[in-house]
Amino acid sequence: MAKHSKKTKTVKNLEPDDCRWPIGDPQHADFHFCGAQKIEGRPYCQHHWDMSFNPSKLGQRSKVPNLQVKQAA
């Protein structure tokens, strides 16, 4: 996992190279961002970039509806 900043990163002190993965509820005072070194050209560090494509890593199951595809007439 990428090295994390020792200082809590908020909207006020988030720097250009900081991971923007949100942590907590934006409506609570302790809301912050990961703050680790982000991947060049990406908004997140490697750890959170990987998680953004695999929700099972978060301990959650993907809730994709069962869609039925109809053939065109």
C-alpha atoms as a PDB file:
ATOM      1  CA  MET A   1       0.000   0.000   0.000  1.00  0.00           C
ATOM      2  CA  ALA A   2       1.169   3.552  -0.623  1.00  0.00           C
ATOM      3  CA  LYS A   3       2.720   5.566   2.169  1.00  0.00           C
ATOM      4  CA  HIS A   4       0.085   7.565   4.005  1.00  0.00           C
ATOM      5  CA  SER A   5       0.476  11.103   5.213  1.00  0.00           C
ATOM      6  CA  LYS A   6       0.702  11.538   8.980  1.00  0.00           C
ATOM      7  CA  LYS A   7      -1.527  14.614   8.768  1.00  0.00           C
ATOM      8  CA  THR A   8      -5.240  14.154   8.111  1.00  0.00           C
ATOM      9  CA  LYS A   9      -6.011  15.419   4.623  1.00  0.00           C
ATOM     10  CA  THR A  10      -9.105  17.565   4.273  1.00  0.00           C
ATOM     11  CA  VAL A  11     -10.395  19.690   1.408  1.00  0.00           C
ATOM     12  CA  LYS A  12      -8.406  22.593   2.872  1.00  0.00           C
ATOM     13  CA  ASN A  13      -4.995  20.900   2.870  1.00  0.00           C
ATOM     14  CA  LEU A  14      -5.252  18.266   0.124  1.00  0.00           C
ATOM     15  CA  GLU A  15      -2.278  18.620  -2.215  1.00  0.00           C
ATOM     16  CA  PRO A  16      -2.104  17.819  -5.963  1.00  0.00           C
ATOM     17  CA  ASP A  17      -0.314  14.473  -5.466  1.00  0.00           C
ATOM     18  CA  ASP A  18      -2.532  13.263  -2.586  1.00  0.00           C
ATOM     19  CA  CYS A  19      -4.931  10.350  -2.981  1.00  0.00           C
ATOM     20  CA  ARG A  20      -8.499  11.620  -3.114  1.00  0.00           C
ATOM     21  CA  TRP A  21     -10.160   8.476  -1.759  1.00  0.00           C
ATOM     22  CA  PRO A  22     -12.850   9.779   0.632  1.00  0.00           C
ATOM     23  CA  ILE A  23     -12.917   8.378   4.152  1.00  0.00           C
ATOM     24  CA  GLY A  24     -16.004   8.755   6.310  1.00  0.00           C
ATOM     25  CA  ASP A  25     -19.178  10.748   5.892  1.00  0.00           C
ATOM     26  CA  PRO A  26     -18.776  14.204   4.304  1.00  0.00           C
ATOM     27  CA  GLN A  27     -21.388  15.520   6.727  1.00  0.00           C
ATOM     28  CA  HIS A  28     -19.233  14.642   9.777  1.00  0.00           C
ATOM     29  CA  ALA A  29     -16.320  16.691  11.111  1.00  0.00           C
ATOM     30  CA  ASP A  30     -13.867  13.780  10.862  1.00  0.00           C
ATOM     31  CA  PHE A  31     -14.369  13.349   7.095  1.00  0.00           C
ATOM     32  CA  HIS A  32     -11.035  13.285   5.256  1.00  0.00           C
ATOM     33  CA  PHE A  33      -9.153  11.826   2.303  1.00  0.00           C
ATOM     34  CA  CYS A  34      -6.578   9.043   2.158  1.00  0.00           C
ATOM     35  CA  GLY A  35      -3.728  11.453   1.418  1.00  0.00           C
ATOM     36  CA  ALA A  36      -1.211   8.801   0.294  1.00  0.00           C
ATOM     37  CA  GLN A  37       0.888   9.436  -2.828  1.00  0.00           C
ATOM     38  CA  LYS A  38      -1.458   9.019  -5.777  1.00  0.00           C
ATOM     39  CA  ILE A  39      -0.590   7.244  -9.018  1.00  0.00           C
ATOM     40  CA  GLU A  40       0.505   9.655 -11.724  1.00  0.00           C
ATOM     41  CA  GLY A  41      -2.514  10.556 -13.869  1.00  0.00           C
ATOM     42  CA  ARG A  42      -4.968   8.918 -11.427  1.00  0.00           C
ATOM     43  CA  PRO A  43      -6.963  10.352  -8.512  1.00  0.00           C
ATOM     44  CA  TYR A  44      -6.046   7.550  -6.073  1.00  0.00           C
ATOM     45  CA  CYS A  45      -3.074   5.697  -4.600  1.00  0.00           C
ATOM     46  CA  GLN A  46      -2.453   2.162  -5.908  1.00  0.00           C
ATOM     47  CA  HIS A  47      -4.382   0.563  -3.038  1.00  0.00           C
ATOM     48  CA  HIS A  48      -7.515   2.644  -3.602  1.00  0.00           C
ATOM     49  CA  TRP A  49      -7.187   2.478  -7.399  1.00  0.00           C
ATOM     50  CA  ASP A  50      -7.314  -1.311  -7.139  1.00  0.00           C
ATOM     51  CA  MET A  51     -10.297  -1.140  -4.780  1.00  0.00           C
ATOM     52  CA  SER A  52     -12.192   1.178  -7.115  1.00  0.00           C
ATOM     53  CA  PHE A  53     -12.402  -1.641  -9.662  1.00  0.00           C
ATOM     54  CA  ASN A  54     -13.135  -4.472  -7.243  1.00  0.00           C
ATOM     55  CA  PRO A  55     -15.888  -3.733  -4.706  1.00  0.00           C
ATOM     56  CA  SER A  56     -15.406  -7.181  -3.152  1.00  0.00           C
ATOM     57  CA  LYS A  57     -12.133  -5.900  -1.670  1.00  0.00           C
ATOM     58  CA  LEU A  58     -14.244  -3.515   0.374  1.00  0.00           C
ATOM     59  CA  GLY A  59     -16.161  -6.430   1.844  1.00  0.00           C
ATOM     60  CA  GLN A  60     -19.202  -5.558  -0.195  1.00  0.00           C
ATOM     61  CA  ARG A  61     -20.980  -7.537  -2.835  1.00  0.00           C
ATOM     62  CA  SER A  62     -21.729  -5.880  -6.093  1.00  0.00           C
ATOM     63  CA  LYS A  63     -25.423  -5.120  -6.336  1.00  0.00           C
ATOM     64  CA  VAL A  64     -25.917  -5.398 -10.072  1.00  0.00           C
ATOM     65  CA  PRO A  65     -29.536  -5.923 -11.059  1.00  0.00           C
ATOM     66  CA  ASN A  66     -30.421  -9.006 -13.064  1.00  0.00           C
ATOM     67  CA  LEU A  67     -31.154  -7.416 -16.452  1.00  0.00           C
ATOM     68  CA  GLN A  68     -32.943  -9.241 -19.203  1.00  0.00           C
ATOM     69  CA  VAL A  69     -31.762  -8.472 -22.708  1.00  0.00           C
ATOM     70  CA  LYS A  70     -34.425  -8.458 -25.393  1.00  0.00           C
ATOM     71  CA  GLN A  71     -33.550  -9.148 -28.993  1.00  0.00           C
ATOM     72  CA  ALA A  72     -34.458  -6.502 -31.539  1.00  0.00           C
ATOM     73  CA  ALA A  73     -37.284  -7.461 -33.889  1.00  0.00           C
END
